[in-house]
């Protein structure tokens, strides 16, 4: 079996750690692997394949020899570094919102439109988590009856706010002082009627994402 050289960008974050876990669980054919993050995470360690790996600093030169680069460090990081990976021949799979609505980047959910993956120009994006779950359920219904309209309500985990959101929840549940707030209001034992920021039309970015990403997918 051919082995692939892989890089995980954002390796110390919640989603990055899940990516690493899935690579191992699925027995993805990894040759060499790099774990990359911001400077503040350099020196931390990640376990993979029974071996402890140091986390390296993400730079423009991090992708030499990398064939598959998994990005989960936020849109700002993806916009800055994904093109550098592509330039040296890496296939970028981006988990952020950076390229989802880029007309040159396929937005792929394997259970829905897997053939689009072959039309990439170096970058493949996935929709946000709520859109993915929804379109997987809607695809067979749409194929059979052609859906015209959907009404959606989502109830989302605090982990969508990353490590800061999770820390805030755990500190509130433990009745400890919150060191750094991710959410303006208490999250423990509460439901906040907002995901992401509000836009001028009164809808949140998450609502816009679900509408536009569903249409593109």
Protein backbone atom coordinates (compact mmCIF):
# COMPACT_ATOMS: atom_id res chain seq x y z
CA UNK A 1 0.00 0.00 0.00
CA UNK A 2 1.28 3.44 -0.90
CA UNK A 3 2.07 5.68 2.05
CA UNK A 4 1.39 9.43 2.10
CA UNK A 5 3.30 12.20 3.83
CA UNK A 6 0.77 14.12 5.92
CA UNK A 7 0.71 17.40 7.84
CA UNK A 8 -1.92 18.38 10.40
CA UNK A 9 -2.20 22.15 10.82
CA UNK A 10 -3.75 23.15 14.13
CA UNK A 11 -2.66 19.87 15.68
CA UNK A 12 -3.14 20.96 19.30
CA UNK A 13 -6.71 22.27 18.88
CA UNK A 14 -9.87 20.30 19.56
CA UNK A 15 -10.54 19.54 15.89
CA UNK A 16 -6.89 18.97 15.09
CA UNK A 17 -6.66 16.35 17.83
CA UNK A 18 -9.78 14.68 16.48
CA UNK A 19 -8.24 14.61 12.99
CA UNK A 20 -5.19 12.86 14.41
CA UNK A 21 -7.41 10.36 16.24
CA UNK A 22 -9.37 9.58 13.05
CA UNK A 23 -6.20 9.15 10.98
CA UNK A 24 -5.14 6.51 13.47
CA UNK A 25 -8.55 4.85 13.82
CA UNK A 26 -9.02 4.62 10.06
CA UNK A 27 -5.46 3.32 9.63
CA UNK A 28 -4.76 5.97 7.01
CA UNK A 29 -1.57 4.98 5.15
CA UNK A 30 0.75 7.57 6.67
CA UNK A 31 4.41 7.64 5.76
CA UNK A 32 5.90 10.69 7.45
CA UNK A 33 3.69 13.02 9.46
CA UNK A 34 4.11 16.57 10.73
CA UNK A 35 2.12 18.23 13.48
CA UNK A 36 2.03 21.99 13.06
CA UNK A 37 0.61 24.85 15.11
CA UNK A 38 1.24 28.44 16.13
CA UNK A 39 4.37 29.46 17.98
CA UNK A 40 2.68 29.22 21.38
CA UNK A 41 2.12 25.49 20.86
CA UNK A 42 5.64 24.67 19.66
CA UNK A 43 7.24 22.12 21.95
CA UNK A 44 4.01 20.41 22.90
CA UNK A 45 3.80 16.71 22.10
CA UNK A 46 1.32 14.61 20.15
CA UNK A 47 1.06 10.83 20.25
CA UNK A 48 0.50 9.04 16.96
CA UNK A 49 1.15 5.45 15.96
CA UNK A 50 2.63 4.66 19.34
CA UNK A 51 5.23 7.39 18.96
CA UNK A 52 5.50 10.80 20.60
CA UNK A 53 5.91 13.61 18.07
CA UNK A 54 6.88 17.23 18.83
CA UNK A 55 4.64 20.00 17.49
CA UNK A 56 6.44 22.24 15.02
CA UNK A 57 5.87 25.88 14.17
CA UNK A 58 3.75 26.52 11.10
CA UNK A 59 5.71 28.48 8.48
CA UNK A 60 5.58 29.01 4.73
CA UNK A 61 8.22 26.28 4.33
CA UNK A 62 6.45 23.65 6.44
CA UNK A 63 4.99 21.73 3.50
CA UNK A 64 8.02 20.58 1.53
CA UNK A 65 7.53 16.88 0.84
CA UNK A 66 3.96 16.90 2.20
CA UNK A 67 1.32 15.26 0.01
CA UNK A 68 -1.79 15.80 2.13
CA UNK A 69 -2.19 18.82 4.42
CA UNK A 70 -5.15 18.81 6.79
CA UNK A 71 -5.97 22.35 7.95
CA UNK A 72 -7.98 23.08 11.07
CA UNK A 73 -6.56 26.25 12.53
CA UNK A 74 -9.17 28.80 11.46
CA UNK A 75 -9.83 30.79 8.31
CA UNK A 76 -7.07 33.36 8.88
CA UNK A 77 -4.39 30.67 9.06
CA UNK A 78 -5.81 28.81 6.06
CA UNK A 79 -5.84 31.94 3.92
CA UNK A 80 -2.24 32.70 4.83
CA UNK A 81 -0.68 29.25 4.49
CA UNK A 82 -2.83 26.97 2.28
CA UNK A 83 -1.52 28.47 -0.96
CA UNK A 84 2.06 27.80 0.15
CA UNK A 85 1.18 24.14 0.61
CA UNK A 86 -0.43 23.97 -2.82
CA UNK A 87 2.60 25.60 -4.45
CA UNK A 88 4.84 22.71 -3.37
CA UNK A 89 2.37 20.05 -4.47
CA UNK A 90 0.33 19.34 -1.36
CA UNK A 91 -3.37 18.59 -1.48
CA UNK A 92 -5.01 20.82 1.12
CA UNK A 93 -8.15 19.63 2.87
CA UNK A 94 -9.44 22.72 4.66
CA UNK A 95 -11.86 22.54 7.56
CA UNK A 96 -12.26 26.30 8.00
CA UNK A 97 -14.59 28.76 6.28
CA UNK A 98 -11.73 30.27 4.25
CA UNK A 99 -12.47 28.67 0.87
CA UNK A 100 -15.97 27.24 1.19
CA UNK A 101 -17.60 29.77 -1.09
CA UNK A 102 -14.62 30.14 -3.43
CA UNK A 103 -15.88 29.20 -6.90
CA UNK A 104 -12.57 27.48 -7.70
CA UNK A 105 -12.66 25.22 -4.61
CA UNK A 106 -14.96 22.18 -4.44
CA UNK A 107 -17.09 21.98 -1.30
CA UNK A 108 -17.29 18.28 -0.61
CA UNK A 109 -19.31 15.96 1.60
CA UNK A 110 -18.38 12.43 0.47
CA UNK A 111 -21.86 11.00 1.03
CA UNK A 112 -23.37 13.76 -1.11
CA UNK A 113 -21.02 14.90 -3.89
CA UNK A 114 -17.83 12.87 -3.66
CA UNK A 115 -17.12 13.20 -7.40
CA UNK A 116 -16.40 16.90 -6.92
CA UNK A 117 -13.18 16.02 -5.12
CA UNK A 118 -11.60 15.26 -8.49
CA UNK A 119 -12.14 18.84 -9.69
CA UNK A 120 -9.83 20.48 -7.18
CA UNK A 121 -6.97 22.83 -7.96
CA UNK A 122 -5.02 21.95 -4.85
CA UNK A 123 -7.63 22.76 -2.21
CA UNK A 124 -10.74 20.87 -1.13
CA UNK A 125 -13.06 22.38 1.48
CA UNK A 126 -15.73 20.87 3.67
CA UNK A 127 -18.85 22.69 4.89
CA UNK A 128 -19.37 23.57 8.50
CA UNK A 129 -20.44 20.76 10.82
CA UNK A 130 -24.17 21.63 10.87
CA UNK A 131 -24.38 21.75 7.09
CA UNK A 132 -22.60 18.40 6.74
CA UNK A 133 -25.01 16.55 9.01
CA UNK A 134 -28.02 18.13 7.36
CA UNK A 135 -27.10 17.48 3.73
CA UNK A 136 -26.21 13.84 4.45
CA UNK A 137 -29.76 13.33 5.69
CA UNK A 138 -31.34 15.42 2.93
CA UNK A 139 -29.49 13.92 -0.04
CA UNK A 140 -31.55 10.70 -0.44
CA UNK A 141 -34.77 12.62 0.18
CA UNK A 142 -33.83 15.21 -2.43
CA UNK A 143 -32.91 12.53 -4.94
CA UNK A 144 -36.30 10.90 -4.49
CA UNK A 145 -38.66 13.85 -4.11
CA UNK A 146 -36.71 17.06 -4.95
CA UNK A 147 -36.79 19.23 -1.84
CA UNK A 148 -37.94 22.80 -2.42
CA UNK A 149 -37.70 24.29 1.07
CA UNK A 150 -36.28 23.35 4.46
CA UNK A 151 -36.76 24.87 7.91
CA UNK A 152 -33.77 24.35 10.18
CA UNK A 153 -33.08 24.63 13.89
CA UNK A 154 -29.69 23.58 15.26
CA UNK A 155 -28.59 23.01 18.84
CA UNK A 156 -24.82 23.15 18.91
CA UNK A 157 -22.15 22.03 21.31
CA UNK A 158 -20.05 24.52 23.22
CA UNK A 159 -17.01 22.83 21.67
CA UNK A 160 -17.86 24.74 18.49
CA UNK A 161 -16.23 27.64 20.32
CA UNK A 162 -12.95 25.74 20.52
CA UNK A 163 -10.84 25.16 23.61
CA UNK A 164 -11.77 28.54 25.12
CA UNK A 165 -15.45 27.68 24.92
CA UNK A 166 -14.90 24.29 26.53
CA UNK A 167 -12.75 25.82 29.26
CA UNK A 168 -15.45 28.37 30.04
CA UNK A 169 -18.10 25.66 30.33
CA UNK A 170 -15.96 23.48 32.60
CA UNK A 171 -15.05 26.43 34.85
CA UNK A 172 -18.71 27.49 35.12
CA UNK A 173 -19.83 23.94 35.93
CA UNK A 174 -17.14 23.72 38.61
CA UNK A 175 -18.20 27.16 39.92
CA UNK A 176 -14.69 28.44 39.36
CA UNK A 177 -13.74 31.93 38.13
CA UNK A 178 -13.76 32.06 34.33
CA UNK A 179 -10.23 32.88 33.24
CA UNK A 180 -11.03 33.80 29.64
CA UNK A 181 -14.56 34.09 28.29
CA UNK A 182 -15.45 32.82 24.84
CA UNK A 183 -19.16 33.56 25.28
CA UNK A 184 -20.50 36.85 26.61
CA UNK A 185 -23.16 35.07 28.65
CA UNK A 186 -23.09 32.06 30.94
CA UNK A 187 -23.07 28.84 28.95
CA UNK A 188 -23.44 26.27 31.75
CA UNK A 189 -27.04 25.04 32.04
CA UNK A 190 -28.01 27.58 29.41
CA UNK A 191 -28.87 27.92 25.71
CA UNK A 192 -27.65 30.95 23.78
CA UNK A 193 -29.76 31.92 20.74
CA UNK A 194 -26.72 32.87 18.71
CA UNK A 195 -23.99 31.04 16.79
CA UNK A 196 -21.17 33.26 15.48
CA UNK A 197 -21.69 37.01 15.00
CA UNK A 198 -24.78 38.86 13.82
CA UNK A 199 -24.63 40.38 10.35
CA UNK A 200 -26.34 43.61 9.16
CA UNK A 201 -29.43 41.71 7.95
CA UNK A 202 -30.06 40.36 11.46
CA UNK A 203 -28.99 36.79 10.70
CA UNK A 204 -25.84 35.23 12.13
CA UNK A 205 -22.87 34.04 10.10
CA UNK A 206 -23.82 30.46 10.94
CA UNK A 207 -27.25 30.91 9.40
CA UNK A 208 -25.68 32.34 6.26
CA UNK A 209 -23.21 29.46 6.14
CA UNK A 210 -25.94 26.84 6.27
CA UNK A 211 -27.96 28.52 3.54
CA UNK A 212 -25.13 29.18 1.08
CA UNK A 213 -23.06 26.07 1.73
CA UNK A 214 -26.09 23.82 1.32
CA UNK A 215 -26.80 25.35 -2.09
CA UNK A 216 -23.18 24.92 -3.20
CA UNK A 217 -22.95 21.35 -1.94
